[in-house]
Amino acid sequence: MLKKLLSISAGLLLTVSVFAAGQWAENAPERYVVKRGDTLWDISARFNIKPWHWPEIWQLNPQVRNPHLIYPGDELVLSGGRLMLGPGSTGPRVRETSLEDAIKPIPLSAIKQFLKNTRILGEDELRNAPHVVGIEENRLRGTAGQLIYVRGLNAAVGDQFAIVRPLGRYYDMPPVDDGEPRELYRQPRDGRDGRPSLLWRHGPHEWSFKGRVRFLGYEVLEFGTVQVTRSAAVSSALVTYSDFEVKEGDYLVSLNLNPYDDQFVPHPPAQAPDNMRVIAFTDALSAVGARQVVALSRGAEDGVDHGTVYSIYADGETVHDNTDYPKGKSRALFNPRDAKVRLPPEFIGHVMIFRTFERVSYGLVMDSIRPVHLGDFLHDPDSTP
């Protein structure tokens, strides 16, 4: 009933026309019926030369309050450079369809595990996180319905927390050669020395001869929830849910009840951060393609937000100019720098940000014409590097 009331109040979806600002593709159909499984990106890609310009279409008419409230069966009409939802409609209409049926900006199935299971923690968050020191009845592992004992937990009885396990940490450092991008690393957890080996210590190893190493964050796997049953120096908590067994050394962090904001649409960045790079991906060893997730080396403190679209480029290779500087000749020998030439960057595809943390963000590769590799860089999609 609540969903129905929400959809009635929030779903006053107005059927209006908006100018397309010259972004229509030549093969844009006059009419398109929204289908189940469509996303805002899919529909925009059918209509516009630049799919990330979808918000401009809707924002040109202030009466369109929520571009997410379009549903399977709705008809998009393209006529005379104008976009209209529903043939012949001129005013608001009440919809009783559940908000959950509205189409999404991106395919959520492709990023499900990253909406629920993966988080990035800052240095202090991990340093101060309470940790599991034992399981009831002196067991080695705990599951849902069992008690765990936690040290360092400052909470009241009934409070809920998420259980996480560190996977590794991200950092970057200055390049060996001048002019090259900063080198990015994902250092996996070895699991041998507990928290001391995980913490990013401020010391000589954070410096190189070229400059300071920059810590980006800890990647952790969120796999369960607990509820506090006793608050003390060593607290008790009941495991209410877990994807796999809890063990000594796991950490508790605040429970994020709304980890994902799906109320966004594709949009270009206000300003692309410098040297934003692909630092990790999943389900592959060396490269990924469309509909796969990448971790990126910039986050909220760099102005990255949900829905931002970037172009992905690979650095151009450095090649030897054999025409003016033949190998083995004196000119090449005495002019090594001039003999090398850097080729232009190569376009790969587009990525849309769906989750951000302070210094790291996750994005979904929306389309690609070649594989995405570690170290590829991101750029404003409306310009070329």
Protein backbone atom coordinates (compact mmCIF):
# COMPACT_ATOMS: atom_id res chain seq x y z
CA MET A 1 0.00 0.00 0.00
CA LEU A 2 2.82 2.37 0.90
CA LYS A 3 4.54 1.79 -2.44
CA LYS A 4 1.26 2.49 -4.19
CA LEU A 5 0.78 5.77 -2.30
CA LEU A 6 4.35 6.77 -3.02
CA SER A 7 3.93 6.08 -6.70
CA ILE A 8 0.72 8.11 -6.79
CA SER A 9 2.32 11.11 -5.08
CA ALA A 10 5.74 10.93 -6.71
CA GLY A 11 4.60 9.52 -10.01
CA LEU A 12 2.86 12.57 -11.45
CA LEU A 13 4.83 11.93 -14.56
CA LEU A 14 4.12 14.72 -16.99
CA THR A 15 3.94 14.00 -20.70
CA VAL A 16 5.63 16.94 -22.29
CA SER A 17 7.89 17.76 -25.17
CA VAL A 18 11.48 18.90 -24.88
CA PHE A 19 14.01 20.04 -27.45
CA ALA A 20 16.91 17.72 -28.13
CA ALA A 21 19.52 20.44 -28.61
CA GLY A 22 20.72 18.90 -31.86
CA GLN A 23 21.84 15.67 -30.24
CA TRP A 24 19.53 13.28 -32.08
CA ALA A 25 21.15 10.47 -33.98
CA GLU A 26 20.34 10.18 -37.66
CA ASN A 27 18.70 6.79 -37.17
CA ALA A 28 16.55 7.87 -34.23
CA PRO A 29 13.08 6.28 -34.53
CA GLU A 30 9.98 8.43 -34.44
CA ARG A 31 8.50 6.29 -31.67
CA TYR A 32 9.92 3.91 -29.12
CA VAL A 33 8.01 1.80 -26.60
CA VAL A 34 9.90 1.27 -23.34
CA LYS A 35 10.58 -2.42 -22.74
CA ARG A 36 11.27 -4.33 -19.56
CA GLY A 37 15.02 -4.53 -19.12
CA ASP A 38 15.69 -1.13 -20.70
CA THR A 39 17.86 1.36 -18.85
CA LEU A 40 18.13 5.12 -19.20
CA TRP A 41 21.48 4.63 -20.89
CA ASP A 42 20.01 2.17 -23.42
CA ILE A 43 17.17 4.50 -24.36
CA SER A 44 19.39 7.55 -24.51
CA ALA A 45 21.86 5.67 -26.72
CA ARG A 46 19.03 4.95 -29.16
CA PHE A 47 18.02 8.60 -29.37
CA ASN A 48 21.15 10.65 -28.85
CA ILE A 49 24.59 10.80 -30.36
CA LYS A 50 25.92 11.23 -26.80
CA PRO A 51 23.96 9.09 -24.33
CA TRP A 52 25.26 11.01 -21.31
CA HIS A 53 23.34 14.06 -22.53
CA TRP A 54 20.08 12.48 -21.43
CA PRO A 55 19.59 14.95 -18.51
CA GLU A 56 19.70 17.90 -20.87
CA ILE A 57 16.63 16.56 -22.66
CA TRP A 58 14.61 16.40 -19.47
CA GLN A 59 15.92 19.52 -17.78
CA LEU A 60 14.83 21.73 -20.65
CA ASN A 61 11.30 21.38 -19.32
CA PRO A 62 10.92 22.11 -15.60
CA GLN A 63 7.67 20.16 -15.43
CA VAL A 64 9.55 16.86 -15.77
CA ARG A 65 10.33 16.30 -12.11
CA ASN A 66 11.77 12.79 -12.19
CA PRO A 67 13.22 11.19 -15.32
CA HIS A 68 13.28 7.81 -13.56
CA LEU A 69 9.52 7.50 -13.52
CA ILE A 70 9.11 5.96 -16.94
CA TYR A 71 7.89 2.42 -17.22
CA PRO A 72 7.69 -0.53 -19.62
CA GLY A 73 4.88 0.19 -22.06
CA ASP A 74 5.38 3.96 -22.07
CA GLU A 75 5.86 5.35 -25.55
CA LEU A 76 8.61 7.81 -26.34
CA VAL A 77 7.79 9.89 -29.37
CA LEU A 78 10.37 11.78 -31.36
CA SER A 79 8.63 14.30 -33.58
CA GLY A 80 9.98 17.48 -35.15
CA GLY A 81 12.95 17.60 -32.82
CA ARG A 82 10.77 17.15 -29.76
CA LEU A 83 10.56 14.26 -27.32
CA MET A 84 7.16 13.42 -25.83
CA LEU A 85 6.17 10.69 -23.43
CA GLY A 86 2.89 9.13 -24.48
CA PRO A 87 1.07 10.04 -27.68
CA GLY A 88 -1.13 13.09 -27.44
CA SER A 89 -0.73 13.60 -23.69
CA THR A 90 -0.62 17.18 -22.43
CA GLY A 91 -0.90 17.10 -18.65
CA PRO A 92 -0.07 15.14 -15.53
CA ARG A 93 -1.46 11.69 -14.92
CA VAL A 94 -1.59 9.53 -11.82
CA ARG A 95 0.24 6.22 -11.99
CA GLU A 96 -0.48 3.31 -9.70
CA THR A 97 2.48 1.21 -10.83
CA SER A 98 5.05 0.43 -8.15
CA LEU A 99 8.14 2.64 -8.21
CA GLU A 100 10.19 -0.54 -8.34
CA ASP A 101 8.91 -1.12 -11.88
CA ALA A 102 10.39 2.13 -13.17
CA ILE A 103 13.39 1.62 -15.45
CA LYS A 104 16.86 2.12 -13.95
CA PRO A 105 19.76 4.29 -15.14
CA ILE A 106 22.05 1.26 -15.51
CA PRO A 107 21.61 -2.55 -15.31
CA LEU A 108 21.65 -3.20 -11.56
CA SER A 109 22.22 -6.92 -12.04
CA ALA A 110 25.72 -6.18 -13.32
CA ILE A 111 26.71 -4.32 -10.16
CA LYS A 112 24.67 -6.13 -7.50
CA GLN A 113 27.62 -7.40 -5.50
CA PHE A 114 29.20 -3.95 -5.44
CA LEU A 115 26.02 -2.32 -4.15
CA LYS A 116 25.84 -4.64 -1.18
CA ASN A 117 29.12 -6.43 -0.63
CA THR A 118 32.05 -4.14 -1.39
CA ARG A 119 33.10 -0.99 0.42
CA ILE A 120 36.13 1.27 0.68
CA LEU A 121 37.29 2.30 4.16
CA GLY A 122 39.59 5.15 5.05
CA GLU A 123 42.68 4.74 7.20
CA ASP A 124 41.04 5.80 10.47
CA GLU A 125 37.95 3.71 9.80
CA LEU A 126 39.97 0.51 9.75
CA ARG A 127 42.32 1.61 12.54
CA ASN A 128 39.39 2.21 14.92
CA ALA A 129 37.08 -0.60 13.78
CA PRO A 130 35.98 -3.08 16.50
CA HIS A 131 37.12 -6.63 15.80
CA VAL A 132 35.97 -10.16 16.52
CA VAL A 133 38.03 -11.91 19.21
CA GLY A 134 35.99 -15.10 19.66
CA ILE A 135 32.93 -17.18 18.85
CA GLU A 136 30.51 -18.71 21.35
CA GLU A 137 31.47 -22.12 22.76
CA ASN A 138 35.06 -21.47 21.66
CA ARG A 139 34.26 -22.27 18.03
CA LEU A 140 36.60 -21.35 15.21
CA ARG A 141 33.80 -20.07 12.97
CA GLY A 142 30.40 -18.48 13.51
CA THR A 143 27.22 -18.37 11.43
CA ALA A 144 23.77 -16.77 11.63
CA GLY A 145 22.10 -17.40 14.99
CA GLN A 146 25.36 -17.62 16.94
CA LEU A 147 27.05 -15.12 19.25
CA ILE A 148 30.38 -13.50 18.53
CA TYR A 149 32.55 -11.54 20.95
CA VAL A 150 33.84 -8.17 19.90
CA ARG A 151 36.54 -5.93 21.34
CA GLY A 152 36.52 -2.15 20.97
CA LEU A 153 32.79 -1.86 20.28
CA ASN A 154 31.17 1.27 21.70
CA ALA A 155 27.46 0.65 21.16
CA ALA A 156 24.14 0.11 22.89
CA VAL A 157 22.24 -3.14 23.12
CA GLY A 158 20.15 -3.53 19.97
CA ASP A 159 22.48 -1.57 17.69
CA GLN A 160 23.26 -3.20 14.36
CA PHE A 161 26.54 -3.37 12.47
CA ALA A 162 27.96 -4.84 9.29
CA ILE A 163 30.69 -7.49 9.35
CA VAL A 164 33.55 -6.87 6.94
CA ARG A 165 36.79 -8.56 5.95
CA PRO A 166 39.64 -6.59 4.34
CA LEU A 167 40.65 -7.68 0.85
CA GLY A 168 43.54 -5.30 0.28
CA ARG A 169 44.47 -1.67 -0.10
CA TYR A 170 44.92 0.80 -2.94
CA TYR A 171 47.70 3.34 -3.30
CA ASP A 172 49.57 5.17 -6.00
CA MET A 173 53.09 6.54 -6.23
CA PRO A 174 55.13 8.79 -8.47
CA PRO A 175 56.44 7.24 -11.69
CA VAL A 176 60.03 6.22 -12.22
CA ASP A 177 60.25 8.23 -15.45
CA ASP A 178 59.29 11.90 -15.62
CA GLY A 179 56.16 12.63 -17.59
CA GLU A 180 54.62 9.21 -17.00
CA PRO A 181 51.38 8.78 -14.98
CA ARG A 182 51.47 7.86 -11.30
CA GLU A 183 51.80 4.15 -10.76
CA LEU A 184 48.73 2.47 -9.24
CA TYR A 185 48.71 -0.57 -7.01
CA ARG A 186 46.27 -2.88 -5.32
CA GLN A 187 48.09 -4.69 -2.54
CA PRO A 188 46.22 -7.87 -1.48
CA ARG A 189 45.97 -8.73 2.19
CA ASP A 190 48.31 -11.58 3.09
CA GLY A 191 46.31 -12.43 6.22
CA ARG A 192 49.32 -13.30 8.38
CA ASP A 193 49.86 -10.44 10.82
CA GLY A 194 46.41 -9.04 11.53
CA ARG A 195 45.63 -5.35 11.69
CA PRO A 196 49.22 -4.08 12.15
CA SER A 197 50.20 -5.37 8.72
CA LEU A 198 47.10 -3.85 7.14
CA LEU A 199 47.41 -0.34 8.52
CA TRP A 200 48.96 2.26 6.29
CA ARG A 201 51.84 3.40 8.49
CA HIS A 202 53.26 6.89 8.20
CA GLY A 203 56.95 6.26 7.70
CA PRO A 204 59.80 6.10 5.18
CA HIS A 205 58.05 3.53 3.01
CA GLU A 206 55.46 6.17 2.13
CA TRP A 207 58.09 8.14 0.25
CA SER A 208 60.03 7.53 -2.91
CA PHE A 209 62.86 9.45 -4.50
CA LYS A 210 60.27 10.99 -6.82
CA GLY A 211 57.79 12.10 -4.16
CA ARG A 212 55.05 11.01 -1.80
CA VAL A 213 53.07 7.79 -2.06
CA ARG A 214 49.31 8.46 -1.87
CA PHE A 215 47.08 6.07 0.09
CA LEU A 216 43.64 5.64 -1.52
CA GLY A 217 41.74 3.27 0.77
CA TYR A 218 41.10 -0.26 2.01
CA GLU A 219 38.77 -2.48 0.02
CA VAL A 220 36.64 -4.66 2.30
CA LEU A 221 34.04 -7.35 1.71
CA GLU A 222 30.79 -6.84 3.62
CA PHE A 223 29.29 -10.27 4.22
CA GLY A 224 26.96 -10.15 7.21
CA THR A 225 25.16 -8.22 9.95
CA VAL A 226 25.09 -8.45 13.74
CA GLN A 227 22.97 -7.05 16.57
CA VAL A 228 24.55 -6.11 19.90
CA THR A 229 23.24 -8.19 22.83
CA ARG A 230 25.69 -7.05 25.51
CA SER A 231 27.81 -3.92 25.69
CA ALA A 232 31.07 -4.13 27.67
CA ALA A 233 34.84 -4.10 27.22
CA VAL A 234 34.26 -7.28 25.26
CA SER A 235 30.75 -7.07 23.80
CA SER A 236 28.45 -9.84 22.60
CA ALA A 237 26.64 -9.64 19.28
CA LEU A 238 24.25 -12.01 17.55
CA VAL A 239 25.00 -12.81 13.92
CA THR A 240 21.70 -12.07 12.18
CA TYR A 241 22.87 -12.74 8.65
CA SER A 242 26.05 -13.91 6.94
CA ASP A 243 27.02 -15.03 3.46
CA PHE A 244 29.77 -17.18 4.94
CA GLU A 245 31.34 -17.94 8.30
CA VAL A 246 32.55 -15.23 10.68
CA LYS A 247 36.04 -15.70 12.09
CA GLU A 248 38.43 -14.09 14.53
CA GLY A 249 39.92 -10.90 13.09
CA ASP A 250 36.83 -9.82 11.14
CA TYR A 251 35.75 -6.21 11.72
CA LEU A 252 32.50 -4.42 12.50
CA VAL A 253 31.60 -1.17 10.77
CA SER A 254 28.50 1.00 10.66
CA LEU A 255 25.56 -0.52 8.83
CA ASN A 256 24.81 1.37 5.64
CA LEU A 257 21.07 1.05 5.14
CA ASN A 258 21.14 2.95 1.85
CA PRO A 259 24.42 2.02 0.16
CA TYR A 260 23.26 2.93 -3.30
CA ASP A 261 21.58 5.98 -4.75
CA ASP A 262 19.71 4.95 -7.88
CA GLN A 263 18.15 8.38 -8.41
CA PHE A 264 20.66 9.66 -10.89
CA VAL A 265 20.96 9.92 -14.64
CA PRO A 266 24.01 9.91 -16.92
CA HIS A 267 25.85 13.23 -17.03
CA PRO A 268 29.30 14.49 -18.01
CA PRO A 269 31.68 15.63 -15.26
CA ALA A 270 31.84 19.27 -14.27
CA GLN A 271 35.60 18.78 -14.50
CA ALA A 272 37.43 15.48 -14.99
CA PRO A 273 40.01 14.86 -12.22
CA ASP A 274 43.64 14.74 -13.26
CA ASN A 275 45.19 11.32 -13.72
CA MET A 276 42.06 9.30 -12.89
CA ARG A 277 42.96 5.70 -13.69
CA VAL A 278 41.59 2.17 -13.67
CA ILE A 279 43.16 0.49 -10.64
CA ALA A 280 41.27 -2.82 -10.42
CA PHE A 281 38.45 -4.89 -11.86
CA THR A 282 36.67 -8.16 -11.18
CA ASP A 283 35.95 -11.41 -12.97
CA ALA A 284 39.06 -11.08 -15.10
CA LEU A 285 42.81 -11.27 -14.84
CA SER A 286 44.02 -8.81 -17.43
CA ALA A 287 41.11 -6.90 -19.02
CA VAL A 288 37.35 -6.27 -18.92
CA GLY A 289 34.68 -5.12 -21.34
CA ALA A 290 31.14 -3.76 -21.39
CA ARG A 291 28.90 -4.41 -18.34
CA GLN A 292 31.85 -5.13 -16.07
CA VAL A 293 32.94 -3.16 -13.00
CA VAL A 294 36.17 -1.20 -12.60
CA ALA A 295 37.66 0.52 -9.55
CA LEU A 296 38.98 4.02 -10.22
CA SER A 297 41.65 6.08 -8.48
CA ARG A 298 39.57 9.17 -7.73
CA GLY A 299 36.51 9.68 -5.53
CA ALA A 300 34.25 12.17 -3.80
CA GLU A 301 37.08 14.46 -2.68
CA ASP A 302 37.94 14.91 -6.37
CA GLY A 303 34.35 15.81 -7.32
CA VAL A 304 33.35 12.38 -8.65
CA ASP A 305 29.65 11.69 -8.14
CA HIS A 306 27.02 9.10 -9.04
CA GLY A 307 26.00 9.04 -12.68
CA THR A 308 29.12 10.80 -13.96
CA VAL A 309 30.19 9.45 -17.34
CA TYR A 310 33.80 9.42 -18.50
CA SER A 311 35.52 8.29 -21.65
CA ILE A 312 38.19 5.63 -21.17
CA TYR A 313 41.48 5.97 -23.03
CA ALA A 314 44.67 3.94 -23.22
CA ASP A 315 47.95 5.85 -23.18
CA GLY A 316 49.55 6.02 -26.58
CA GLU A 317 52.59 3.82 -27.01
CA THR A 318 56.10 5.24 -27.28
CA VAL A 319 57.69 4.18 -30.56
CA HIS A 320 61.02 4.73 -32.26
CA ASP A 321 61.09 7.09 -35.24
CA ASN A 322 63.01 4.96 -37.71
CA THR A 323 62.61 7.46 -40.53
CA ASP A 324 64.56 10.37 -39.04
CA TYR A 325 66.45 8.38 -36.42
CA PRO A 326 67.34 4.94 -37.86
CA LYS A 327 68.32 2.45 -35.20
CA GLY A 328 72.08 1.86 -35.03
CA LYS A 329 72.89 5.23 -36.60
CA SER A 330 74.75 8.01 -34.81
CA ARG A 331 71.76 10.37 -34.95
CA ALA A 332 69.65 7.94 -32.93
CA LEU A 333 72.54 7.23 -30.57
CA PHE A 334 73.21 10.88 -29.74
CA ASN A 335 69.54 11.99 -29.73
CA PRO A 336 67.73 9.24 -27.81
CA ARG A 337 64.93 11.50 -26.59
CA ASP A 338 64.18 12.92 -30.03
CA ALA A 339 64.24 9.42 -31.51
CA LYS A 340 61.24 8.46 -29.34
CA VAL A 341 57.73 9.67 -30.10
CA ARG A 342 54.55 9.18 -28.09
CA LEU A 343 51.48 8.15 -30.10
CA PRO A 344 48.08 9.73 -29.31
CA PRO A 345 45.82 8.07 -26.70
CA GLU A 346 43.41 5.44 -28.01
CA PHE A 347 39.70 5.62 -27.20
CA ILE A 348 38.29 2.51 -25.53
CA GLY A 349 34.75 3.21 -24.34
CA HIS A 350 32.64 4.81 -21.62
CA VAL A 351 32.24 4.19 -17.90
CA MET A 352 29.49 5.44 -15.57
CA ILE A 353 30.12 5.95 -11.84
CA PHE A 354 27.62 4.17 -9.59
CA ARG A 355 29.31 4.32 -6.18
CA THR A 356 31.82 6.74 -4.68
CA PHE A 357 34.07 6.83 -1.64
CA GLU A 358 36.53 9.48 -0.52
CA ARG A 359 39.41 8.55 -2.83
CA VAL A 360 38.11 5.59 -4.83
CA SER A 361 34.99 5.05 -6.94
CA TYR A 362 33.35 2.15 -8.74
CA GLY A 363 32.12 2.44 -12.30
CA LEU A 364 30.36 0.23 -14.82
CA VAL A 365 31.81 0.00 -18.32
CA MET A 366 28.81 0.96 -20.46
CA ASP A 367 30.33 0.29 -23.87
CA SER A 368 33.76 -0.50 -25.27
CA ILE A 369 35.36 -1.05 -28.66
CA ARG A 370 38.40 -2.79 -27.13
CA PRO A 371 39.30 -4.28 -23.73
CA VAL A 372 39.84 -2.05 -20.69
CA HIS A 373 43.19 -2.60 -18.95
CA LEU A 374 44.67 -1.55 -15.63
CA GLY A 375 46.17 1.92 -15.88
CA ASP A 376 43.83 3.18 -18.61
CA PHE A 377 42.83 6.77 -17.90
CA LEU A 378 39.54 8.65 -17.83
CA HIS A 379 38.69 11.86 -19.62
CA ASP A 380 35.78 14.24 -20.20
CA PRO A 381 33.50 12.46 -22.72
CA ASP A 382 32.72 15.69 -24.54
CA SER A 383 36.34 16.36 -25.50
CA THR A 384 39.45 14.49 -26.56
CA PRO A 385 42.75 14.33 -24.65
